[in-house]
């Protein structure tokens, strides 16, 4: 069992690296995509919307899906759908094909994301959760560098996605080969599936589930908006060259990686609320520097600080889900949280793009600061709700 757990942990790390690699490409590739498809800068919202719809449908239905198919089949479904969709996106001849491909990329990613988070949250500790999400940071760090290199060498963004698709084929083979290993710590997948059959309606009646939904919505929008739009802000708005801007976007994602690896090394006794409060406050300071930026290097440092500060937020909140809401609600709640993540990425990130297009690129920093402030407020409300529930 120990060797089996190590094998599945290794595959979860690789999975998150590839998810991050795919996500990290878009920010650097987007200006070139705008030229390829002859669309406006704020068409990013139109592109991300199908992915959000696909991810939301799968995420909200995840408890039902895994309860009937089992975790292993959902993982295989997710990686196969994502791989085929990534190929079609990479070769899309027209904008409409790109939109269709993004729908299935969103659905496939959500199946992977929710399954992996559920597996780790119910079978492993916070350290493994942080390290898994650190590998997402590895991917998002490499993604901008891969996209920039492909653009410089091949003058096209398309090969970057085809490279990712080829790597996903390897991951699909690994999931198929280990399909009997994705079980609960005690080896009882059937028991896990029974827990997953908790009606979604019961979970949705919990106020704590919706507060967590809002937290993940805002957090994910802030995280991805900073990575997506900072490249455009630095180059088109502040005159940075492509390689320098891509480097600092990569450092933003790299700071996530370092922060999550370091957090995984810290003692388990550290209280989650202390980690989260400190993280969000430092992220607020970083976004303030990005917005203020009297010199361009101040904005660079602010972006890196924000990335480092936000590193523990997502994995810590996700890992705490079974404790916060109970194991019976975990699959449904994690599905809701992944759905909120997709919606936050889609709605908030495209909203920042709309403001940047219509009100100037410098609004990006202001919006990121404001959204991080909202995140802090939501976190404090969640803390008050938990205190009230504990004393009741």
Protein backbone atom coordinates (compact mmCIF):
# COMPACT_ATOMS: atom_id res chain seq x y z
CA UNK A 1 0.00 0.00 0.00
CA UNK A 2 2.89 2.34 0.75
CA UNK A 3 4.33 1.85 -2.75
CA UNK A 4 0.87 2.27 -4.28
CA UNK A 5 0.36 5.55 -2.44
CA UNK A 6 3.75 6.81 -3.60
CA UNK A 7 2.88 5.90 -7.18
CA UNK A 8 -0.46 7.70 -7.13
CA UNK A 9 1.08 10.72 -5.40
CA UNK A 10 3.73 10.91 -8.13
CA UNK A 11 1.05 10.78 -10.82
CA UNK A 12 -0.96 13.54 -9.11
CA UNK A 13 2.17 15.71 -9.10
CA UNK A 14 2.73 15.09 -12.83
CA UNK A 15 -0.94 15.76 -13.54
CA UNK A 16 -0.84 19.13 -11.86
CA UNK A 17 2.39 20.03 -13.63
CA UNK A 18 0.67 19.47 -16.99
CA UNK A 19 -2.49 21.32 -15.93
CA UNK A 20 -0.30 24.27 -14.95
CA UNK A 21 1.74 24.07 -18.15
CA UNK A 22 -1.45 24.30 -20.20
CA UNK A 23 -2.76 27.25 -18.18
CA UNK A 24 0.58 29.07 -18.17
CA UNK A 25 0.83 29.25 -21.95
CA UNK A 26 -2.24 31.38 -22.54
CA UNK A 27 -1.08 34.67 -21.01
CA UNK A 28 1.98 34.93 -23.27
CA UNK A 29 0.28 33.40 -26.31
CA UNK A 30 -2.87 35.54 -26.13
CA UNK A 31 -1.59 38.65 -27.97
CA UNK A 32 -0.53 36.38 -30.85
CA UNK A 33 -3.89 34.59 -30.79
CA UNK A 34 -5.60 37.97 -31.09
CA UNK A 35 -3.69 38.54 -34.32
CA UNK A 36 -4.25 34.97 -35.59
CA UNK A 37 -8.02 35.07 -35.23
CA UNK A 38 -8.47 38.83 -35.84
CA UNK A 39 -10.30 39.39 -32.55
CA UNK A 40 -10.05 42.14 -29.95
CA UNK A 41 -8.06 41.95 -26.73
CA UNK A 42 -11.19 41.53 -24.62
CA UNK A 43 -12.27 38.51 -26.71
CA UNK A 44 -10.51 36.57 -23.99
CA UNK A 45 -13.89 36.55 -22.23
CA UNK A 46 -15.53 34.88 -25.21
CA UNK A 47 -12.75 32.28 -25.30
CA UNK A 48 -12.84 31.42 -21.62
CA UNK A 49 -16.65 31.28 -21.33
CA UNK A 50 -17.07 27.85 -22.99
CA UNK A 51 -14.33 26.45 -20.74
CA UNK A 52 -16.15 27.84 -17.70
CA UNK A 53 -19.42 26.27 -18.82
CA UNK A 54 -17.79 22.89 -19.40
CA UNK A 55 -15.93 23.01 -16.09
CA UNK A 56 -19.03 24.11 -14.16
CA UNK A 57 -21.19 21.32 -15.56
CA UNK A 58 -18.64 18.65 -14.68
CA UNK A 59 -17.75 20.14 -11.28
CA UNK A 60 -21.31 20.49 -10.01
CA UNK A 61 -22.10 17.00 -11.26
CA UNK A 62 -18.91 15.49 -9.90
CA UNK A 63 -20.42 13.85 -6.82
CA UNK A 64 -22.99 12.08 -9.01
CA UNK A 65 -20.37 11.21 -11.65
CA UNK A 66 -17.78 9.67 -9.34
CA UNK A 67 -20.48 7.88 -7.36
CA UNK A 68 -21.44 5.94 -10.48
CA UNK A 69 -18.19 5.60 -12.43
CA UNK A 70 -15.57 5.61 -9.70
CA UNK A 71 -12.58 7.89 -9.36
CA UNK A 72 -10.31 6.02 -11.78
CA UNK A 73 -12.77 6.16 -14.68
CA UNK A 74 -13.42 9.86 -14.10
CA UNK A 75 -9.66 10.51 -14.18
CA UNK A 76 -9.28 8.61 -17.46
CA UNK A 77 -12.28 10.41 -18.93
CA UNK A 78 -10.83 13.77 -17.91
CA UNK A 79 -7.37 13.27 -19.38
CA UNK A 80 -8.63 11.81 -22.66
CA UNK A 81 -11.13 14.63 -23.22
CA UNK A 82 -8.53 17.24 -22.29
CA UNK A 83 -5.91 15.77 -24.62
CA UNK A 84 -8.16 15.62 -27.68
CA UNK A 85 -9.46 19.13 -27.00
CA UNK A 86 -5.92 20.50 -26.61
CA UNK A 87 -4.96 19.07 -30.02
CA UNK A 88 -8.00 20.65 -31.66
CA UNK A 89 -7.25 23.97 -29.99
CA UNK A 90 -3.67 23.85 -31.23
CA UNK A 91 -4.73 23.28 -34.84
CA UNK A 92 -7.97 25.30 -34.82
CA UNK A 93 -8.32 27.00 -38.23
CA UNK A 94 -11.01 29.45 -37.11
CA UNK A 95 -12.17 31.13 -33.92
CA UNK A 96 -15.33 28.98 -33.61
CA UNK A 97 -13.27 25.79 -33.41
CA UNK A 98 -11.16 27.34 -30.65
CA UNK A 99 -14.29 28.10 -28.65
CA UNK A 100 -15.55 24.51 -29.02
CA UNK A 101 -12.17 23.09 -28.05
CA UNK A 102 -12.05 25.29 -24.96
CA UNK A 103 -15.41 23.90 -23.80
CA UNK A 104 -14.01 20.37 -23.75
CA UNK A 105 -10.69 21.52 -22.29
CA UNK A 106 -12.65 23.03 -19.41
CA UNK A 107 -14.72 19.86 -18.89
CA UNK A 108 -11.70 17.57 -19.00
CA UNK A 109 -9.64 19.77 -16.68
CA UNK A 110 -12.49 19.95 -14.17
CA UNK A 111 -12.81 16.15 -14.08
CA UNK A 112 -9.07 15.86 -13.40
CA UNK A 113 -8.91 18.75 -10.95
CA UNK A 114 -11.86 17.69 -8.82
CA UNK A 115 -10.84 14.02 -8.77
CA UNK A 116 -7.27 14.74 -7.75
CA UNK A 117 -8.28 17.23 -5.06
CA UNK A 118 -10.86 14.83 -3.65
CA UNK A 119 -8.38 11.95 -3.61
CA UNK A 120 -5.67 13.95 -1.85
CA UNK A 121 -8.03 15.73 0.57
CA UNK A 122 -9.54 12.44 1.76
CA UNK A 123 -6.40 10.28 1.74
CA UNK A 124 -3.41 12.53 2.46
CA UNK A 125 -2.34 15.46 4.62
CA UNK A 126 -1.96 19.15 3.89
CA UNK A 127 1.71 18.65 3.00
CA UNK A 128 0.83 16.45 0.01
CA UNK A 129 -1.92 18.88 -1.05
CA UNK A 130 0.53 21.79 -1.00
CA UNK A 131 3.14 19.87 -2.94
CA UNK A 132 0.57 18.77 -5.51
CA UNK A 133 -0.42 22.38 -6.10
CA UNK A 134 3.25 23.36 -6.10
CA UNK A 135 3.64 21.25 -9.21
CA UNK A 136 0.85 23.33 -10.75
CA UNK A 137 3.19 26.24 -10.09
CA UNK A 138 6.03 24.36 -11.80
CA UNK A 139 3.80 24.02 -14.85
CA UNK A 140 2.63 27.61 -14.89
CA UNK A 141 6.25 28.73 -14.46
CA UNK A 142 7.36 26.71 -17.47
CA UNK A 143 4.27 27.57 -19.56
CA UNK A 144 5.14 31.23 -20.29
CA UNK A 145 8.75 30.30 -21.02
CA UNK A 146 7.62 27.55 -23.39
CA UNK A 147 5.20 29.90 -25.15
CA UNK A 148 7.81 32.66 -25.46
CA UNK A 149 10.41 30.24 -26.83
CA UNK A 150 7.98 28.76 -29.36
CA UNK A 151 6.92 32.24 -30.47
CA UNK A 152 10.52 33.36 -30.91
CA UNK A 153 11.70 30.21 -32.69
CA UNK A 154 8.63 29.24 -34.73
CA UNK A 155 6.66 32.52 -34.86
CA UNK A 156 3.51 30.66 -33.82
CA UNK A 157 1.72 29.88 -30.56
CA UNK A 158 0.24 26.58 -31.85
CA UNK A 159 3.19 24.19 -31.26
CA UNK A 160 3.15 24.97 -27.54
CA UNK A 161 -0.30 23.39 -27.19
CA UNK A 162 0.65 20.39 -29.33
CA UNK A 163 3.65 19.76 -27.04
CA UNK A 164 1.31 19.78 -24.04
CA UNK A 165 -1.07 17.36 -25.78
CA UNK A 166 1.80 14.91 -26.42
CA UNK A 167 2.72 14.98 -22.72
CA UNK A 168 -0.92 14.41 -21.78
CA UNK A 169 -0.93 11.20 -23.82
CA UNK A 170 1.78 9.89 -21.47
CA UNK A 171 -0.36 10.84 -18.48
CA UNK A 172 -3.39 9.06 -19.97
CA UNK A 173 -1.34 5.87 -20.27
CA UNK A 174 -0.31 6.18 -16.61
CA UNK A 175 -3.92 6.59 -15.45
CA UNK A 176 -5.02 3.55 -17.44
CA UNK A 177 -2.13 1.44 -16.15
CA UNK A 178 -2.85 2.38 -12.50
CA UNK A 179 -6.64 2.38 -12.66
CA UNK A 180 -6.90 -0.14 -9.80
CA UNK A 181 -4.78 2.00 -7.45
CA UNK A 182 -7.08 5.01 -7.07
CA UNK A 183 -8.82 3.88 -3.90
CA UNK A 184 -9.25 5.13 -0.34
CA UNK A 185 -6.39 4.76 2.11
CA UNK A 186 -8.04 1.60 3.47
CA UNK A 187 -8.44 0.22 -0.06
CA UNK A 188 -12.23 0.62 -0.09
CA UNK A 189 -13.18 2.58 -3.18
CA UNK A 190 -16.77 1.42 -2.79
CA UNK A 191 -16.97 3.21 0.55
CA UNK A 192 -15.63 6.36 -1.08
CA UNK A 193 -18.25 6.10 -3.81
CA UNK A 194 -21.03 5.77 -1.24
CA UNK A 195 -19.82 9.01 0.37
CA UNK A 196 -19.83 10.61 -3.07
CA UNK A 197 -23.56 9.80 -3.44
CA UNK A 198 -24.49 12.42 -0.85
CA UNK A 199 -27.16 14.48 -2.65
CA UNK A 200 -25.77 17.75 -3.96
CA UNK A 201 -28.87 19.55 -2.71
CA UNK A 202 -27.95 18.73 0.90
CA UNK A 203 -24.46 20.14 0.48
CA UNK A 204 -25.84 23.25 -1.22
CA UNK A 205 -27.99 23.97 1.84
CA UNK A 206 -24.86 24.51 3.96
CA UNK A 207 -23.93 28.24 4.33
CA UNK A 208 -20.28 27.26 4.78
CA UNK A 209 -20.31 25.56 1.37
CA UNK A 210 -21.45 28.77 -0.35
CA UNK A 211 -19.01 30.93 1.57
CA UNK A 212 -16.22 28.61 0.43
CA UNK A 213 -17.64 28.88 -3.10
CA UNK A 214 -17.27 32.68 -2.98
CA UNK A 215 -13.76 32.43 -1.56
CA UNK A 216 -12.61 30.15 -4.36
CA UNK A 217 -14.40 32.32 -6.94
CA UNK A 218 -12.58 35.49 -5.91
CA UNK A 219 -9.25 33.83 -5.18
CA UNK A 220 -9.03 32.05 -8.52
CA UNK A 221 -10.02 35.19 -10.39
CA UNK A 222 -7.25 37.16 -8.66
CA UNK A 223 -4.62 34.45 -9.15
CA UNK A 224 -5.23 33.90 -12.85
CA UNK A 225 -5.97 37.54 -13.70
CA UNK A 226 -2.57 38.52 -12.32
CA UNK A 227 -0.86 35.86 -14.42
CA UNK A 228 -2.98 36.49 -17.50
CA UNK A 229 -2.94 40.29 -17.69
CA UNK A 230 0.36 41.31 -16.09
CA UNK A 231 2.24 40.43 -19.30
CA UNK A 232 -0.03 42.76 -21.29
CA UNK A 233 0.23 45.43 -18.57
CA UNK A 234 4.03 45.32 -18.56
CA UNK A 235 4.49 45.22 -22.35
CA UNK A 236 1.63 47.23 -23.88
CA UNK A 237 1.06 49.44 -20.84
CA UNK A 238 4.51 50.06 -19.37
CA UNK A 239 6.87 49.46 -22.28
CA UNK A 240 8.67 46.31 -21.11
CA UNK A 241 10.19 44.02 -23.73
CA UNK A 242 8.64 40.58 -24.36
CA UNK A 243 11.37 38.47 -22.74
CA UNK A 244 11.58 40.58 -19.57
CA UNK A 245 7.81 40.61 -19.11
CA UNK A 246 7.56 36.86 -19.77
CA UNK A 247 10.34 36.28 -17.23
CA UNK A 248 8.49 38.17 -14.49
CA UNK A 249 5.21 36.42 -15.27
CA UNK A 250 7.12 33.16 -14.92
CA UNK A 251 8.57 34.38 -11.63
CA UNK A 252 5.05 35.14 -10.46
CA UNK A 253 4.09 31.51 -11.04
CA UNK A 254 7.46 30.35 -9.70
CA UNK A 255 6.75 32.13 -6.43
CA UNK A 256 3.62 29.97 -6.10
CA UNK A 257 5.79 26.93 -6.57
CA UNK A 258 8.38 27.94 -4.00
CA UNK A 259 5.75 29.00 -1.47
CA UNK A 260 3.87 25.72 -1.72
CA UNK A 261 6.98 23.58 -1.50
CA UNK A 262 8.13 25.55 1.55
CA UNK A 263 4.72 25.31 3.20
CA UNK A 264 4.82 21.56 2.74
CA UNK A 265 8.00 21.48 4.82
CA UNK A 266 6.52 23.43 7.73
CA UNK A 267 5.13 21.63 10.79
CA UNK A 268 1.56 20.37 10.49
CA UNK A 269 0.64 22.06 13.79
CA UNK A 270 0.50 25.52 12.19
CA UNK A 271 -3.08 26.74 12.26
CA UNK A 272 -4.69 27.11 8.84
CA UNK A 273 -6.39 30.42 9.73
CA UNK A 274 -3.07 32.02 10.69
CA UNK A 275 -1.45 30.91 7.45
CA UNK A 276 -4.38 32.12 5.36
CA UNK A 277 -4.72 35.52 7.04
CA UNK A 278 -1.01 36.26 6.73
CA UNK A 279 -0.99 35.10 3.12
CA UNK A 280 -3.92 37.27 2.05
CA UNK A 281 -2.55 40.36 3.81
CA UNK A 282 0.83 39.97 2.08
CA UNK A 283 -0.93 39.38 -1.24
CA UNK A 284 -2.83 42.62 -0.71
CA UNK A 285 0.48 44.42 -0.19
CA UNK A 286 1.90 42.86 -3.36
CA UNK A 287 -1.10 43.87 -5.45
CA UNK A 288 -0.82 47.37 -4.00
CA UNK A 289 2.79 47.59 -5.24
CA UNK A 290 1.75 46.28 -8.67
CA UNK A 291 -0.91 48.97 -8.88
CA UNK A 292 1.22 51.82 -7.50
CA UNK A 293 4.44 50.98 -9.41
CA UNK A 294 6.21 54.37 -9.54
CA UNK A 295 9.02 52.47 -11.30
CA UNK A 296 8.41 49.36 -13.40
CA UNK A 297 10.60 47.23 -11.11
CA UNK A 298 8.26 48.02 -8.19
CA UNK A 299 5.43 46.42 -10.16
CA UNK A 300 7.62 43.41 -10.92
CA UNK A 301 8.42 42.91 -7.23
CA UNK A 302 4.79 43.43 -6.25
CA UNK A 303 3.70 40.72 -8.66
CA UNK A 304 6.32 38.28 -7.30
CA UNK A 305 5.33 39.07 -3.69
CA UNK A 306 1.66 38.52 -4.48
CA UNK A 307 2.45 35.14 -6.01
CA UNK A 308 4.51 34.02 -3.04
CA UNK A 309 1.88 35.24 -0.57
CA UNK A 310 -1.06 33.57 -2.30
CA UNK A 311 0.72 30.23 -2.67
CA UNK A 312 -0.82 28.54 0.41
CA UNK A 313 -4.40 29.80 -0.01
CA UNK A 314 -5.89 27.37 -2.54
CA UNK A 315 -4.33 24.11 -1.24
CA UNK A 316 -4.93 24.99 2.41
CA UNK A 317 -8.60 25.77 1.83
CA UNK A 318 -9.02 22.68 -0.37
CA UNK A 319 -7.29 20.33 2.07
CA UNK A 320 -9.46 21.60 4.93
CA UNK A 321 -12.72 20.83 3.09
CA UNK A 322 -13.46 17.41 4.67
CA UNK A 323 -12.77 18.86 8.13
CA UNK A 324 -14.81 22.00 7.51
CA UNK A 325 -17.86 20.33 5.94
CA UNK A 326 -17.47 16.62 6.76
CA UNK A 327 -16.22 13.73 4.61
CA UNK A 328 -19.75 12.91 3.45
CA UNK A 329 -20.00 16.34 1.82
CA UNK A 330 -16.38 16.47 0.61
CA UNK A 331 -16.89 15.30 -2.98
CA UNK A 332 -19.82 17.65 -3.59
CA UNK A 333 -18.15 20.57 -1.82
CA UNK A 334 -14.87 20.12 -3.70
CA UNK A 335 -16.87 19.95 -6.92
CA UNK A 336 -18.54 23.25 -6.01
CA UNK A 337 -15.16 24.76 -5.18
CA UNK A 338 -13.66 23.65 -8.49
CA UNK A 339 -16.74 25.07 -10.25
CA UNK A 340 -16.21 28.34 -8.38
CA UNK A 341 -12.58 28.29 -9.48
CA UNK A 342 -13.61 27.96 -13.11
CA UNK A 343 -16.23 30.67 -12.81
CA UNK A 344 -13.79 33.01 -11.08
CA UNK A 345 -11.18 32.44 -13.75
CA UNK A 346 -13.73 33.00 -16.49
CA UNK A 347 -15.80 35.89 -15.18
CA UNK A 348 -13.27 37.89 -13.17
CA UNK A 349 -10.38 37.38 -15.59
CA UNK A 350 -12.48 38.34 -18.61
CA UNK A 351 -13.91 41.26 -16.61
CA UNK A 352 -10.41 42.59 -15.98
CA UNK A 353 -9.77 42.26 -19.72
CA UNK A 354 -12.91 44.26 -20.50
CA UNK A 355 -11.88 47.08 -18.17
CA UNK A 356 -8.33 47.03 -19.57
CA UNK A 357 -9.67 47.31 -23.12
CA UNK A 358 -12.22 50.03 -22.39
CA UNK A 359 -10.76 51.98 -19.48
CA UNK A 360 -7.01 51.59 -19.87
CA UNK A 361 -4.43 48.98 -18.97
CA UNK A 362 -3.57 50.61 -15.65
CA UNK A 363 -6.97 49.56 -14.30
CA UNK A 364 -5.55 46.03 -14.08
CA UNK A 365 -3.56 46.82 -10.93
CA UNK A 366 -6.47 48.62 -9.27
CA UNK A 367 -8.86 45.76 -9.95
CA UNK A 368 -6.44 43.16 -8.63
CA UNK A 369 -5.95 45.15 -5.43
CA UNK A 370 -9.70 45.59 -4.95
CA UNK A 371 -10.46 41.91 -5.54
CA UNK A 372 -7.76 40.86 -3.06
CA UNK A 373 -9.34 43.17 -0.48
CA UNK A 374 -12.69 41.43 -1.08
CA UNK A 375 -10.92 38.10 -0.58
CA UNK A 376 -9.66 39.25 2.82
CA UNK A 377 -13.16 40.31 3.86
CA UNK A 378 -14.66 36.96 2.79
CA UNK A 379 -12.01 35.09 4.74
CA UNK A 380 -12.77 37.05 7.91
CA UNK A 381 -16.49 36.38 7.47
CA UNK A 382 -15.76 32.66 7.11
CA UNK A 383 -13.74 32.76 10.34
CA UNK A 384 -16.63 34.42 12.18
CA UNK A 385 -19.06 31.83 10.80
CA UNK A 386 -16.86 28.95 11.98
CA UNK A 387 -16.53 30.51 15.45
CA UNK A 388 -20.30 30.93 15.69
CA UNK A 389 -20.89 27.32 14.59
CA UNK A 390 -18.34 26.01 17.10
CA UNK A 391 -19.90 27.90 20.01
CA UNK A 392 -23.49 27.01 19.09
